[in-house]
Amino acid sequence: MIEWRLKMNQLYFMKGLTLIEEGYCNDALNLVSQIESDDVKFIYLKALAYIRAGNKDLAFEEMENAIRKDPSNVEVLILKGKLLWSMDKVDEGNEMFWEAHAVDPNHHEVIEFLSICKPRAEEYYKKATKAVFEGNRYLALEHIEKGLEIFHDMTKLLLLRANIHREMTDYDNALGDLERASKFMYAEGLEKEVTC
C-alpha cells in the first residue's frame, strides 16, 4: 500500500511539473492540493505553480513552509533565491544561494551563481591589490570586504586580508582568515600558488 502511494505521488509530481511547464498553473495547483503528503517536493511544486501564476506572496509562504520542514532542500533554497531576486531583494536572494552552496556546492545552479559572482569579486581583489601596492591598507580592506560580500569564501581575498591584518599586528584576525581560506583553497585550486 505504501509503495503504491509513493509511486502515485511520483506520478502526480511529474504530472504537476508538466502542467506548470505547459502553463496550466491552476490545474497544477488543483492537482497538488489533492495530494495527501508531507513531502517537501509537493510544497515546492505548489510554490512553483504560484510563481508561474504570478502570485509571489503565496509562493513565498509555501517556500517558507518547505524550508521549515526541510531547511537543507537545495531546490527550495534556489527557488526562494530566484523569487527574492525577482522581488528586487538581491542580497537576500544571494544568501539563499549561499545556503544552497553550503548544502550542495556542485549543484548546477549553484555553480552558475558562483560563476556570476566570482568575476565581480575578482574586480575587488584587483582594486584591493592595487591599494596595497599604493600603501593604502584601509582602502584595500574596504575593497576586500566588498568582494567578500559578493563571494564569501574567495581564497585570494581572505589571504590578502590575512596579510594586511598580519602587517597591522592583528594576529587573531589574520589567523581567522588563514583558517577560513585553508578550507576553500583546494576547491579553488590555489594550493600550488600558495605553496610554491
Protein backbone atom coordinates (compact mmCIF):
# COMPACT_ATOMS: atom_id res chain seq x y z
CA MET A 1 0.00 0.00 0.00
CA ILE A 2 2.81 2.44 0.95
CA GLU A 3 4.80 1.57 -2.18
CA TRP A 4 1.73 2.18 -4.34
CA ARG A 5 1.18 5.58 -2.67
CA LEU A 6 4.82 6.54 -3.28
CA LYS A 7 4.54 5.63 -6.96
CA MET A 8 1.30 7.59 -7.28
CA ASN A 9 2.89 10.61 -5.60
CA GLN A 10 5.81 10.43 -8.05
CA LEU A 11 3.32 10.31 -10.90
CA TYR A 12 1.41 13.28 -9.51
CA PHE A 13 4.63 15.22 -9.06
CA MET A 14 5.65 14.64 -12.69
CA LYS A 15 2.14 15.48 -13.87
CA GLY A 16 2.24 18.70 -11.82
CA LEU A 17 5.59 19.72 -13.30
CA THR A 18 4.29 19.04 -16.79
CA LEU A 19 1.18 21.14 -16.17
CA ILE A 20 3.29 24.03 -14.88
CA GLU A 21 5.70 23.83 -17.82
CA GLU A 22 2.76 23.90 -20.23
CA GLY A 23 1.25 26.92 -18.46
CA TYR A 24 -1.62 25.20 -16.69
CA CYS A 25 -0.77 26.57 -13.23
CA ASN A 26 -4.31 26.40 -11.83
CA ASP A 27 -4.61 22.76 -12.87
CA ALA A 28 -1.26 22.05 -11.22
CA LEU A 29 -2.44 23.77 -8.02
CA ASN A 30 -5.63 21.72 -8.04
CA LEU A 31 -3.64 18.53 -8.51
CA VAL A 32 -1.16 19.33 -5.73
CA SER A 33 -3.96 20.33 -3.36
CA GLN A 34 -5.49 16.86 -3.72
CA ILE A 35 -2.28 15.06 -2.74
CA GLU A 36 -2.04 13.96 0.86
CA SER A 37 1.68 14.05 1.53
CA ASP A 38 4.10 15.90 3.80
CA ASP A 39 6.79 15.57 1.16
CA VAL A 40 8.56 18.90 0.62
CA LYS A 41 8.64 18.36 -3.14
CA PHE A 42 4.88 18.88 -3.28
CA ILE A 43 5.17 22.13 -1.33
CA TYR A 44 7.92 23.10 -3.80
CA LEU A 45 5.63 22.24 -6.68
CA LYS A 46 2.84 24.35 -5.22
CA ALA A 47 5.23 27.30 -4.76
CA LEU A 48 6.43 26.92 -8.34
CA ALA A 49 2.83 26.91 -9.60
CA TYR A 50 2.12 30.09 -7.63
CA ILE A 51 5.20 31.75 -9.10
CA ARG A 52 4.19 30.84 -12.64
CA ALA A 53 0.65 32.07 -11.90
CA GLY A 54 2.12 35.40 -10.77
CA ASN A 55 1.27 35.09 -7.07
CA LYS A 56 4.63 35.67 -5.42
CA ASP A 57 3.19 36.20 -1.94
CA LEU A 58 1.58 32.75 -1.81
CA ALA A 59 4.68 31.23 -3.40
CA PHE A 60 6.82 32.82 -0.71
CA GLU A 61 4.56 31.41 2.03
CA GLU A 62 4.82 27.92 0.54
CA MET A 63 8.61 28.15 0.34
CA GLU A 64 8.84 29.28 3.95
CA ASN A 65 6.72 26.25 4.87
CA ALA A 66 9.00 23.97 2.84
CA ILE A 67 12.15 25.40 4.44
CA ARG A 68 10.68 24.90 7.91
CA LYS A 69 10.13 21.23 7.05
CA ASP A 70 13.47 20.73 5.30
CA PRO A 71 15.95 23.61 5.73
CA SER A 72 18.57 21.88 3.59
CA ASN A 73 16.45 21.27 0.49
CA VAL A 74 18.63 22.73 -2.24
CA GLU A 75 15.84 23.08 -4.80
CA VAL A 76 13.68 25.07 -2.39
CA LEU A 77 16.60 27.30 -1.37
CA ILE A 78 17.41 28.04 -5.01
CA LEU A 79 13.78 28.72 -5.91
CA LYS A 80 13.45 31.07 -2.94
CA GLY A 81 16.64 32.83 -4.01
CA LYS A 82 15.27 33.37 -7.50
CA LEU A 83 11.95 34.59 -6.12
CA LEU A 84 13.74 37.09 -3.89
CA TRP A 85 15.74 38.31 -6.87
CA SER A 86 12.51 38.85 -8.81
CA MET A 87 11.26 40.97 -5.89
CA ASP A 88 14.42 43.16 -6.06
CA LYS A 89 15.80 41.59 -2.87
CA VAL A 90 19.12 40.69 -4.44
CA ASP A 91 21.17 40.36 -1.26
CA GLU A 92 18.58 38.09 0.36
CA GLY A 93 18.38 36.04 -2.84
CA ASN A 94 22.14 35.69 -2.87
CA GLU A 95 22.05 34.47 0.73
CA MET A 96 19.68 31.67 -0.32
CA PHE A 97 22.18 30.63 -2.98
CA TRP A 98 24.98 30.66 -0.41
CA GLU A 99 22.84 28.44 1.82
CA ALA A 100 22.29 26.12 -1.15
CA HIS A 101 26.06 26.21 -1.76
CA ALA A 102 26.65 25.05 1.82
CA VAL A 103 24.37 22.06 1.21
CA ASP A 104 25.43 21.13 -2.34
CA PRO A 105 28.31 23.13 -3.83
CA ASN A 106 28.16 21.02 -7.01
CA HIS A 107 24.53 21.76 -7.88
CA HIS A 108 24.47 23.15 -11.42
CA GLU A 109 22.56 26.31 -10.46
CA VAL A 110 24.89 26.97 -7.53
CA ILE A 111 27.86 26.64 -9.88
CA GLU A 112 26.19 29.06 -12.30
CA PHE A 113 25.59 31.51 -9.44
CA LEU A 114 29.25 31.30 -8.41
CA SER A 115 30.39 31.82 -12.00
CA ILE A 116 28.47 35.12 -11.99
CA CYS A 117 29.77 36.23 -8.58
CA LYS A 118 33.42 35.33 -9.00
CA PRO A 119 34.36 37.85 -11.74
CA ARG A 120 32.71 40.66 -9.75
CA ALA A 121 34.68 39.67 -6.65
CA GLU A 122 37.85 39.41 -8.75
CA GLU A 123 37.46 43.10 -9.62
CA TYR A 124 37.52 43.98 -5.92
CA TYR A 125 40.58 41.77 -5.46
CA LYS A 126 42.38 43.73 -8.20
CA LYS A 127 41.37 47.04 -6.59
CA ALA A 128 42.48 45.81 -3.16
CA THR A 129 45.83 44.63 -4.53
CA LYS A 130 46.37 47.99 -6.18
CA ALA A 131 45.52 49.77 -2.92
CA VAL A 132 48.04 47.58 -1.05
CA PHE A 133 50.80 48.46 -3.53
CA GLU A 134 49.88 52.14 -3.12
CA GLY A 135 50.22 51.76 0.65
CA ASN A 136 46.54 52.28 1.43
CA ARG A 137 45.65 49.31 3.63
CA TYR A 138 42.33 50.75 4.77
CA LEU A 139 41.09 51.20 1.21
CA ALA A 140 42.32 47.68 0.46
CA LEU A 141 40.31 46.34 3.40
CA GLU A 142 37.20 48.14 2.11
CA HIS A 143 37.62 46.54 -1.32
CA ILE A 144 38.20 43.14 0.28
CA GLU A 145 35.01 43.47 2.35
CA LYS A 146 33.01 44.36 -0.76
CA GLY A 147 34.49 41.39 -2.62
CA LEU A 148 33.70 39.02 0.25
CA GLU A 149 30.12 40.30 0.34
CA ILE A 150 29.80 39.07 -3.23
CA PHE A 151 31.86 35.88 -2.97
CA HIS A 152 32.03 34.87 0.71
CA ASP A 153 34.84 32.38 0.55
CA MET A 154 37.18 33.65 -2.14
CA THR A 155 40.54 32.37 -1.00
CA LYS A 156 42.58 35.14 -2.63
CA LEU A 157 40.60 37.83 -0.81
CA LEU A 158 40.90 36.02 2.51
CA LEU A 159 44.67 35.54 2.09
CA LEU A 160 45.16 39.18 1.15
CA ARG A 161 43.14 40.31 4.16
CA ALA A 162 45.11 37.94 6.40
CA ASN A 163 48.34 39.50 5.15
CA ILE A 164 47.06 43.02 5.85
CA HIS A 165 45.92 42.02 9.33
CA ARG A 166 49.33 40.46 9.98
CA GLU A 167 51.11 43.63 8.85
CA MET A 168 48.87 45.61 11.20
CA THR A 169 49.77 43.13 14.03
CA ASP A 170 46.14 41.96 14.24
CA TYR A 171 47.19 38.32 14.52
CA ASP A 172 43.84 36.93 15.69
CA ASN A 173 42.01 38.18 12.59
CA ALA A 174 44.92 37.16 10.38
CA LEU A 175 44.80 33.63 11.76
CA GLY A 176 41.00 33.50 11.39
CA ASP A 177 41.25 34.47 7.72
CA LEU A 178 44.02 31.93 7.12
CA GLU A 179 41.96 29.16 8.70
CA ARG A 180 38.91 30.13 6.65
CA ALA A 181 40.96 30.36 3.45
CA SER A 182 42.54 26.95 4.02
CA LYS A 183 39.09 25.34 3.94
CA PHE A 184 38.49 26.59 0.42
CA MET A 185 41.99 26.59 -1.01
CA TYR A 186 41.78 23.17 -2.62
CA ALA A 187 38.35 23.84 -4.07
CA GLU A 188 39.73 26.83 -5.94
CA GLY A 189 42.97 25.12 -6.96
CA LEU A 190 45.16 27.77 -5.35
CA GLU A 191 47.23 25.43 -3.19
CA LYS A 192 50.05 25.48 -5.78
CA GLU A 193 50.18 29.27 -5.80
CA VAL A 194 50.46 29.39 -2.02
CA THR A 195 52.96 26.57 -1.55
CA CYS A 196 55.34 27.47 -4.42
